[in-house]
Amino acid sequence: MARLYLGLTLAQSGDRQRAVKEIESGLRGLHKWLDYVNQYAASSYGQYWDPTNEIRSEIKNGLAMISAKETDWQKLIASGEW
């Protein structure tokens, strides 16, 4: 989460080159953590984290925005904040 928020802060301050790196790293890390919790704690607290894959779907959308030829920064920031 720290990398994601750092990236969002960098994007809002105009340092887009560093922002992309941090946002991407944060989103990938969060996605991996959700997968881990879902796999190894599914019978306990894991069942409550993203049961409909809504968060992971938004993460995939954010990563797709990053890899697009032209990044819509306002949309990417809003997605990351969500």
PDB file of N, CA and C in Angstrom:
ATOM      1  N   MET A   1       0.822  -1.188   0.000  1.00  0.00           N
ATOM      2  CA  MET A   1       0.000   0.000   0.000  1.00  0.00           C
ATOM      3  C   MET A   1       0.867   1.253   0.000  1.00  0.00           C
ATOM      4  N   ALA A   2       1.997   1.186   0.685  1.00  0.00           N
ATOM      5  CA  ALA A   2       2.859   2.363   0.769  1.00  0.00           C
ATOM      6  C   ALA A   2       3.350   2.774  -0.623  1.00  0.00           C
ATOM      7  N   ARG A   3       3.723   1.807  -1.430  1.00  0.00           N
ATOM      8  CA  ARG A   3       4.204   2.125  -2.785  1.00  0.00           C
ATOM      9  C   ARG A   3       3.082   2.709  -3.638  1.00  0.00           C
ATOM     10  N   LEU A   4       1.895   2.186  -3.485  1.00  0.00           N
ATOM     11  CA  LEU A   4       0.760   2.707  -4.231  1.00  0.00           C
ATOM     12  C   LEU A   4       0.519   4.166  -3.860  1.00  0.00           C
ATOM     13  N   TYR A   5       0.460   4.458  -2.572  1.00  0.00           N
ATOM     14  CA  TYR A   5       0.212   5.827  -2.132  1.00  0.00           C
ATOM     15  C   TYR A   5       1.360   6.761  -2.491  1.00  0.00           C
ATOM     16  N   LEU A   6       2.580   6.265  -2.444  1.00  0.00           N
ATOM     17  CA  LEU A   6       3.716   7.071  -2.888  1.00  0.00           C
ATOM     18  C   LEU A   6       3.556   7.404  -4.366  1.00  0.00           C
ATOM     19  N   GLY A   7       3.216   6.408  -5.164  1.00  0.00           N
ATOM     20  CA  GLY A   7       3.014   6.628  -6.593  1.00  0.00           C
ATOM     21  C   GLY A   7       1.901   7.619  -6.879  1.00  0.00           C
ATOM     22  N   LEU A   8       0.811   7.516  -6.146  1.00  0.00           N
ATOM     23  CA  LEU A   8      -0.292   8.454  -6.335  1.00  0.00           C
ATOM     24  C   LEU A   8       0.135   9.873  -5.978  1.00  0.00           C
ATOM     25  N   THR A   9       0.896  10.008  -4.915  1.00  0.00           N
ATOM     26  CA  THR A   9       1.398  11.324  -4.504  1.00  0.00           C
ATOM     27  C   THR A   9       2.348  11.890  -5.550  1.00  0.00           C
ATOM     28  N   LEU A  10       3.244  11.048  -6.064  1.00  0.00           N
ATOM     29  CA  LEU A  10       4.176  11.486  -7.100  1.00  0.00           C
ATOM     30  C   LEU A  10       3.421  11.910  -8.366  1.00  0.00           C
ATOM     31  N   ALA A  11       2.391  11.165  -8.724  1.00  0.00           N
ATOM     32  CA  ALA A  11       1.600  11.500  -9.917  1.00  0.00           C
ATOM     33  C   ALA A  11       0.918  12.852  -9.744  1.00  0.00           C
ATOM     34  N   GLN A  12       0.369  13.086  -8.578  1.00  0.00           N
ATOM     35  CA  GLN A  12      -0.320  14.349  -8.334  1.00  0.00           C
ATOM     36  C   GLN A  12       0.645  15.528  -8.282  1.00  0.00           C
ATOM     37  N   SER A  13       1.899  15.261  -7.916  1.00  0.00           N
ATOM     38  CA  SER A  13       2.883  16.342  -7.866  1.00  0.00           C
ATOM     39  C   SER A  13       3.590  16.537  -9.205  1.00  0.00           C
ATOM     40  N   GLY A  14       3.302  15.671 -10.185  1.00  0.00           N
ATOM     41  CA  GLY A  14       3.841  15.845 -11.519  1.00  0.00           C
ATOM     42  C   GLY A  14       5.024  14.963 -11.879  1.00  0.00           C
ATOM     43  N   ASP A  15       5.512  14.164 -10.955  1.00  0.00           N
ATOM     44  CA  ASP A  15       6.654  13.274 -11.236  1.00  0.00           C
ATOM     45  C   ASP A  15       6.118  11.958 -11.790  1.00  0.00           C
ATOM     46  N   ARG A  16       5.667  11.999 -13.017  1.00  0.00           N
ATOM     47  CA  ARG A  16       4.961  10.874 -13.617  1.00  0.00           C
ATOM     48  C   ARG A  16       5.861   9.670 -13.879  1.00  0.00           C
ATOM     49  N   GLN A  17       7.119   9.901 -14.175  1.00  0.00           N
ATOM     50  CA  GLN A  17       8.031   8.784 -14.468  1.00  0.00           C
ATOM     51  C   GLN A  17       8.208   7.900 -13.232  1.00  0.00           C
ATOM     52  N   ARG A  18       8.459   8.503 -12.095  1.00  0.00           N
ATOM     53  CA  ARG A  18       8.584   7.721 -10.855  1.00  0.00           C
ATOM     54  C   ARG A  18       7.239   7.192 -10.400  1.00  0.00           C
ATOM     55  N   ALA A  19       6.184   7.956 -10.667  1.00  0.00           N
ATOM     56  CA  ALA A  19       4.843   7.556 -10.250  1.00  0.00           C
ATOM     57  C   ALA A  19       4.437   6.231 -10.875  1.00  0.00           C
ATOM     58  N   VAL A  20       4.702   6.077 -12.161  1.00  0.00           N
ATOM     59  CA  VAL A  20       4.328   4.836 -12.855  1.00  0.00           C
ATOM     60  C   VAL A  20       4.977   3.642 -12.185  1.00  0.00           C
ATOM     61  N   LYS A  21       6.240   3.746 -11.881  1.00  0.00           N
ATOM     62  CA  LYS A  21       6.972   2.641 -11.255  1.00  0.00           C
ATOM     63  C   LYS A  21       6.366   2.277  -9.896  1.00  0.00           C
ATOM     64  N   GLU A  22       6.098   3.268  -9.095  1.00  0.00           N
ATOM     65  CA  GLU A  22       5.565   3.010  -7.749  1.00  0.00           C
ATOM     66  C   GLU A  22       4.117   2.525  -7.776  1.00  0.00           C
ATOM     67  N   ILE A  23       3.297   3.114  -8.625  1.00  0.00           N
ATOM     68  CA  ILE A  23       1.901   2.676  -8.717  1.00  0.00           C
ATOM     69  C   ILE A  23       1.836   1.231  -9.197  1.00  0.00           C
ATOM     70  N   GLU A  24       2.600   0.922 -10.234  1.00  0.00           N
ATOM     71  CA  GLU A  24       2.606  -0.451 -10.754  1.00  0.00           C
ATOM     72  C   GLU A  24       3.073  -1.436  -9.691  1.00  0.00           C
ATOM     73  N   SER A  25       4.133  -1.106  -8.993  1.00  0.00           N
ATOM     74  CA  SER A  25       4.639  -1.981  -7.943  1.00  0.00           C
ATOM     75  C   SER A  25       3.606  -2.170  -6.829  1.00  0.00           C
ATOM     76  N   GLY A  26       2.967  -1.086  -6.433  1.00  0.00           N
ATOM     77  CA  GLY A  26       1.944  -1.154  -5.390  1.00  0.00           C
ATOM     78  C   GLY A  26       0.741  -1.987  -5.797  1.00  0.00           C
ATOM     79  N   LEU A  27       0.276  -1.785  -7.030  1.00  0.00           N
ATOM     80  CA  LEU A  27      -0.879  -2.552  -7.509  1.00  0.00           C
ATOM     81  C   LEU A  27      -0.558  -4.036  -7.616  1.00  0.00           C
ATOM     82  N   ARG A  28       0.623  -4.356  -8.138  1.00  0.00           N
ATOM     83  CA  ARG A  28       1.011  -5.775  -8.259  1.00  0.00           C
ATOM     84  C   ARG A  28       1.148  -6.419  -6.872  1.00  0.00           C
ATOM     85  N   GLY A  29       1.733  -5.695  -5.946  1.00  0.00           N
ATOM     86  CA  GLY A  29       1.883  -6.216  -4.590  1.00  0.00           C
ATOM     87  C   GLY A  29       0.548  -6.453  -3.912  1.00  0.00           C
ATOM     88  N   LEU A  30      -0.372  -5.518  -4.067  1.00  0.00           N
ATOM     89  CA  LEU A  30      -1.703  -5.670  -3.483  1.00  0.00           C
ATOM     90  C   LEU A  30      -2.432  -6.859  -4.106  1.00  0.00           C
ATOM     91  N   HIS A  31      -2.303  -7.024  -5.408  1.00  0.00           N
ATOM     92  CA  HIS A  31      -2.953  -8.152  -6.091  1.00  0.00           C
ATOM     93  C   HIS A  31      -2.380  -9.477  -5.563  1.00  0.00           C
ATOM     94  N   LYS A  32      -1.071  -9.563  -5.436  1.00  0.00           N
ATOM     95  CA  LYS A  32      -0.439 -10.786  -4.916  1.00  0.00           C
ATOM     96  C   LYS A  32      -0.891 -11.072  -3.486  1.00  0.00           C
ATOM     97  N   TRP A  33      -1.004 -10.021  -2.674  1.00  0.00           N
ATOM     98  CA  TRP A  33      -1.434 -10.211  -1.284  1.00  0.00           C
ATOM     99  C   TRP A  33      -2.870 -10.733  -1.247  1.00  0.00           C
ATOM    100  N   LEU A  34      -3.746 -10.174  -2.065  1.00  0.00           N
ATOM    101  CA  LEU A  34      -5.133 -10.644  -2.110  1.00  0.00           C
ATOM    102  C   LEU A  34      -5.203 -12.104  -2.553  1.00  0.00           C
ATOM    103  N   ASP A  35      -4.402 -12.464  -3.538  1.00  0.00           N
ATOM    104  CA  ASP A  35      -4.352 -13.861  -3.974  1.00  0.00           C
ATOM    105  C   ASP A  35      -3.865 -14.766  -2.845  1.00  0.00           C
ATOM    106  N   TYR A  36      -2.845 -14.328  -2.132  1.00  0.00           N
ATOM    107  CA  TYR A  36      -2.296 -15.108  -1.023  1.00  0.00           C
ATOM    108  C   TYR A  36      -3.352 -15.313   0.070  1.00  0.00           C
ATOM    109  N   VAL A  37      -3.998 -14.240   0.473  1.00  0.00           N
ATOM    110  CA  VAL A  37      -5.019 -14.323   1.522  1.00  0.00           C
ATOM    111  C   VAL A  37      -6.158 -15.230   1.075  1.00  0.00           C
ATOM    112  N   ASN A  38      -6.555 -15.107  -0.158  1.00  0.00           N
ATOM    113  CA  ASN A  38      -7.640 -15.930  -0.678  1.00  0.00           C
ATOM    114  C   ASN A  38      -7.257 -17.402  -0.697  1.00  0.00           C
ATOM    115  N   GLN A  39      -5.998 -17.695  -1.009  1.00  0.00           N
ATOM    116  CA  GLN A  39      -5.564 -19.088  -1.101  1.00  0.00           C
ATOM    117  C   GLN A  39      -5.304 -19.708   0.263  1.00  0.00           C
ATOM    118  N   TYR A  40      -4.608 -19.003   1.146  1.00  0.00           N
ATOM    119  CA  TYR A  40      -4.160 -19.608   2.394  1.00  0.00           C
ATOM    120  C   TYR A  40      -5.027 -19.310   3.612  1.00  0.00           C
ATOM    121  N   ALA A  41      -5.955 -18.406   3.478  1.00  0.00           N
ATOM    122  CA  ALA A  41      -6.834 -18.112   4.607  1.00  0.00           C
ATOM    123  C   ALA A  41      -8.296 -18.092   4.171  1.00  0.00           C
ATOM    124  N   ALA A  42      -8.583 -18.831   3.119  1.00  0.00           N
ATOM    125  CA  ALA A  42      -9.925 -18.817   2.538  1.00  0.00           C
ATOM    126  C   ALA A  42     -10.996 -19.300   3.513  1.00  0.00           C
ATOM    127  N   SER A  43     -10.639 -20.189   4.403  1.00  0.00           N
ATOM    128  CA  SER A  43     -11.647 -20.722   5.329  1.00  0.00           C
ATOM    129  C   SER A  43     -11.815 -19.850   6.567  1.00  0.00           C
ATOM    130  N   SER A  44     -11.001 -18.825   6.698  1.00  0.00           N
ATOM    131  CA  SER A  44     -11.166 -17.911   7.832  1.00  0.00           C
ATOM    132  C   SER A  44     -11.347 -16.490   7.308  1.00  0.00           C
ATOM    133  N   TYR A  45     -10.491 -15.581   7.690  1.00  0.00           N
ATOM    134  CA  TYR A  45     -10.663 -14.169   7.321  1.00  0.00           C
ATOM    135  C   TYR A  45     -10.500 -13.922   5.825  1.00  0.00           C
ATOM    136  N   GLY A  46      -9.851 -14.794   5.096  1.00  0.00           N
ATOM    137  CA  GLY A  46      -9.635 -14.609   3.669  1.00  0.00           C
ATOM    138  C   GLY A  46     -10.903 -14.569   2.847  1.00  0.00           C
ATOM    139  N   GLN A  47     -11.951 -15.201   3.360  1.00  0.00           N
ATOM    140  CA  GLN A  47     -13.204 -15.234   2.618  1.00  0.00           C
ATOM    141  C   GLN A  47     -13.866 -13.863   2.517  1.00  0.00           C
ATOM    142  N   TYR A  48     -13.433 -12.940   3.353  1.00  0.00           N
ATOM    143  CA  TYR A  48     -14.036 -11.610   3.368  1.00  0.00           C
ATOM    144  C   TYR A  48     -13.265 -10.595   2.520  1.00  0.00           C
ATOM    145  N   TRP A  49     -12.077 -10.953   2.057  1.00  0.00           N
ATOM    146  CA  TRP A  49     -11.260 -10.043   1.255  1.00  0.00           C
ATOM    147  C   TRP A  49     -11.523 -10.287  -0.214  1.00  0.00           C
ATOM    148  N   ASP A  50     -12.190  -9.376  -0.835  1.00  0.00           N
ATOM    149  CA  ASP A  50     -12.433  -9.373  -2.277  1.00  0.00           C
ATOM    150  C   ASP A  50     -13.095 -10.665  -2.768  1.00  0.00           C
ATOM    151  N   PRO A  51     -14.211 -11.071  -2.176  1.00  0.00           N
ATOM    152  CA  PRO A  51     -14.836 -12.333  -2.574  1.00  0.00           C
ATOM    153  C   PRO A  51     -15.379 -12.326  -4.006  1.00  0.00           C
ATOM    154  N   THR A  52     -15.685 -11.171  -4.545  1.00  0.00           N
ATOM    155  CA  THR A  52     -16.211 -11.086  -5.914  1.00  0.00           C
ATOM    156  C   THR A  52     -15.156 -10.599  -6.910  1.00  0.00           C
ATOM    157  N   ASN A  53     -13.912 -10.523  -6.473  1.00  0.00           N
ATOM    158  CA  ASN A  53     -12.789 -10.072  -7.319  1.00  0.00           C
ATOM    159  C   ASN A  53     -12.941  -8.637  -7.815  1.00  0.00           C
ATOM    160  N   GLU A  54     -13.708  -7.847  -7.116  1.00  0.00           N
ATOM    161  CA  GLU A  54     -13.913  -6.449  -7.513  1.00  0.00           C
ATOM    162  C   GLU A  54     -12.618  -5.636  -7.383  1.00  0.00           C
ATOM    163  N   ILE A  55     -11.893  -5.846  -6.298  1.00  0.00           N
ATOM    164  CA  ILE A  55     -10.638  -5.113  -6.089  1.00  0.00           C
ATOM    165  C   ILE A  55      -9.600  -5.558  -7.108  1.00  0.00           C
ATOM    166  N   ARG A  56      -9.459  -6.864  -7.284  1.00  0.00           N
ATOM    167  CA  ARG A  56      -8.478  -7.365  -8.254  1.00  0.00           C
ATOM    168  C   ARG A  56      -8.815  -6.936  -9.674  1.00  0.00           C
ATOM    169  N   SER A  57     -10.080  -6.829 -10.001  1.00  0.00           N
ATOM    170  CA  SER A  57     -10.487  -6.356 -11.316  1.00  0.00           C
ATOM    171  C   SER A  57     -10.072  -4.896 -11.515  1.00  0.00           C
ATOM    172  N   GLU A  58     -10.251  -4.086 -10.499  1.00  0.00           N
ATOM    173  CA  GLU A  58      -9.845  -2.683 -10.590  1.00  0.00           C
ATOM    174  C   GLU A  58      -8.328  -2.557 -10.676  1.00  0.00           C
ATOM    175  N   ILE A  59      -7.613  -3.436  -9.987  1.00  0.00           N
ATOM    176  CA  ILE A  59      -6.151  -3.451 -10.082  1.00  0.00           C
ATOM    177  C   ILE A  59      -5.736  -3.762 -11.525  1.00  0.00           C
ATOM    178  N   LYS A  60      -6.363  -4.744 -12.131  1.00  0.00           N
ATOM    179  CA  LYS A  60      -6.055  -5.093 -13.523  1.00  0.00           C
ATOM    180  C   LYS A  60      -6.346  -3.919 -14.457  1.00  0.00           C
ATOM    181  N   ASN A  61      -7.434  -3.200 -14.194  1.00  0.00           N
ATOM    182  CA  ASN A  61      -7.748  -2.017 -15.004  1.00  0.00           C
ATOM    183  C   ASN A  61      -6.655  -0.959 -14.854  1.00  0.00           C
ATOM    184  N   GLY A  62      -6.196  -0.751 -13.631  1.00  0.00           N
ATOM    185  CA  GLY A  62      -5.127   0.214 -13.390  1.00  0.00           C
ATOM    186  C   GLY A  62      -3.843  -0.173 -14.094  1.00  0.00           C
ATOM    187  N   LEU A  63      -3.483  -1.444 -14.034  1.00  0.00           N
ATOM    188  CA  LEU A  63      -2.287  -1.911 -14.716  1.00  0.00           C
ATOM    189  C   LEU A  63      -2.417  -1.764 -16.230  1.00  0.00           C
ATOM    190  N   ALA A  64      -3.618  -1.972 -16.747  1.00  0.00           N
ATOM    191  CA  ALA A  64      -3.847  -1.793 -18.179  1.00  0.00           C
ATOM    192  C   ALA A  64      -3.695  -0.326 -18.566  1.00  0.00           C
ATOM    193  N   MET A  65      -4.156   0.573 -17.708  1.00  0.00           N
ATOM    194  CA  MET A  65      -3.998   2.002 -17.981  1.00  0.00           C
ATOM    195  C   MET A  65      -2.523   2.386 -18.026  1.00  0.00           C
ATOM    196  N   ILE A  66      -1.733   1.800 -17.129  1.00  0.00           N
ATOM    197  CA  ILE A  66      -0.303   2.101 -17.085  1.00  0.00           C
ATOM    198  C   ILE A  66       0.382   1.638 -18.359  1.00  0.00           C
ATOM    199  N   SER A  67       0.002   0.471 -18.855  1.00  0.00           N
ATOM    200  CA  SER A  67       0.678  -0.077 -20.029  1.00  0.00           C
ATOM    201  C   SER A  67       0.139   0.485 -21.345  1.00  0.00           C
ATOM    202  N   ALA A  68      -0.914   1.299 -21.283  1.00  0.00           N
ATOM    203  CA  ALA A  68      -1.467   1.901 -22.498  1.00  0.00           C
ATOM    204  C   ALA A  68      -0.493   2.939 -23.059  1.00  0.00           C
ATOM    205  N   LYS A  69      -0.644   3.221 -24.337  1.00  0.00           N
ATOM    206  CA  LYS A  69       0.236   4.193 -24.994  1.00  0.00           C
ATOM    207  C   LYS A  69       0.116   5.570 -24.349  1.00  0.00           C
ATOM    208  N   GLU A  70      -1.090   6.009 -24.073  1.00  0.00           N
ATOM    209  CA  GLU A  70      -1.345   7.284 -23.410  1.00  0.00           C
ATOM    210  C   GLU A  70      -2.068   6.999 -22.095  1.00  0.00           C
ATOM    211  N   THR A  71      -1.492   7.443 -20.998  1.00  0.00           N
ATOM    212  CA  THR A  71      -2.088   7.209 -19.689  1.00  0.00           C
ATOM    213  C   THR A  71      -3.025   8.356 -19.331  1.00  0.00           C
ATOM    214  N   ASP A  72      -4.252   8.017 -18.968  1.00  0.00           N
ATOM    215  CA  ASP A  72      -5.203   9.003 -18.462  1.00  0.00           C
ATOM    216  C   ASP A  72      -4.928   9.128 -16.964  1.00  0.00           C
ATOM    217  N   TRP A  73      -4.130  10.122 -16.599  1.00  0.00           N
ATOM    218  CA  TRP A  73      -3.652  10.238 -15.223  1.00  0.00           C
ATOM    219  C   TRP A  73      -4.762  10.462 -14.216  1.00  0.00           C
ATOM    220  N   GLN A  74      -5.750  11.258 -14.550  1.00  0.00           N
ATOM    221  CA  GLN A  74      -6.848  11.479 -13.612  1.00  0.00           C
ATOM    222  C   GLN A  74      -7.599  10.182 -13.333  1.00  0.00           C
ATOM    223  N   LYS A  75      -7.828   9.415 -14.387  1.00  0.00           N
ATOM    224  CA  LYS A  75      -8.532   8.142 -14.234  1.00  0.00           C
ATOM    225  C   LYS A  75      -7.682   7.141 -13.447  1.00  0.00           C
ATOM    226  N   LEU A  76      -6.377   7.100 -13.720  1.00  0.00           N
ATOM    227  CA  LEU A  76      -5.479   6.197 -13.002  1.00  0.00           C
ATOM    228  C   LEU A  76      -5.397   6.554 -11.528  1.00  0.00           C
ATOM    229  N   ILE A  77      -5.299   7.840 -11.223  1.00  0.00           N
ATOM    230  CA  ILE A  77      -5.247   8.277  -9.823  1.00  0.00           C
ATOM    231  C   ILE A  77      -6.549   7.927  -9.119  1.00  0.00           C
ATOM    232  N   ALA A  78      -7.678   8.194  -9.761  1.00  0.00           N
ATOM    233  CA  ALA A  78      -8.976   7.864  -9.154  1.00  0.00           C
ATOM    234  C   ALA A  78      -9.098   6.367  -8.908  1.00  0.00           C
ATOM    235  N   SER A  79      -8.629   5.569  -9.849  1.00  0.00           N
ATOM    236  CA  SER A  79      -8.682   4.122  -9.705  1.00  0.00           C
ATOM    237  C   SER A  79      -7.797   3.672  -8.531  1.00  0.00           C
ATOM    238  N   GLY A  80      -6.621   4.226  -8.448  1.00  0.00           N
ATOM    239  CA  GLY A  80      -5.707   3.871  -7.353  1.00  0.00           C
ATOM    240  C   GLY A  80      -6.234   4.293  -5.992  1.00  0.00           C
ATOM    241  N   GLU A  81      -6.874   5.435  -5.940  1.00  0.00           N
ATOM    242  CA  GLU A  81      -7.449   5.902  -4.670  1.00  0.00           C
ATOM    243  C   GLU A  81      -8.624   5.044  -4.258  1.00  0.00           C
ATOM    244  N   TRP A  82      -9.388   4.569  -5.234  1.00  0.00           N
ATOM    245  CA  TRP A  82     -10.519   3.702  -4.923  1.00  0.00           C
ATOM    246  C   TRP A  82     -10.062   2.450  -4.269  1.00  0.00           C
TER     247      TRP A  82
END
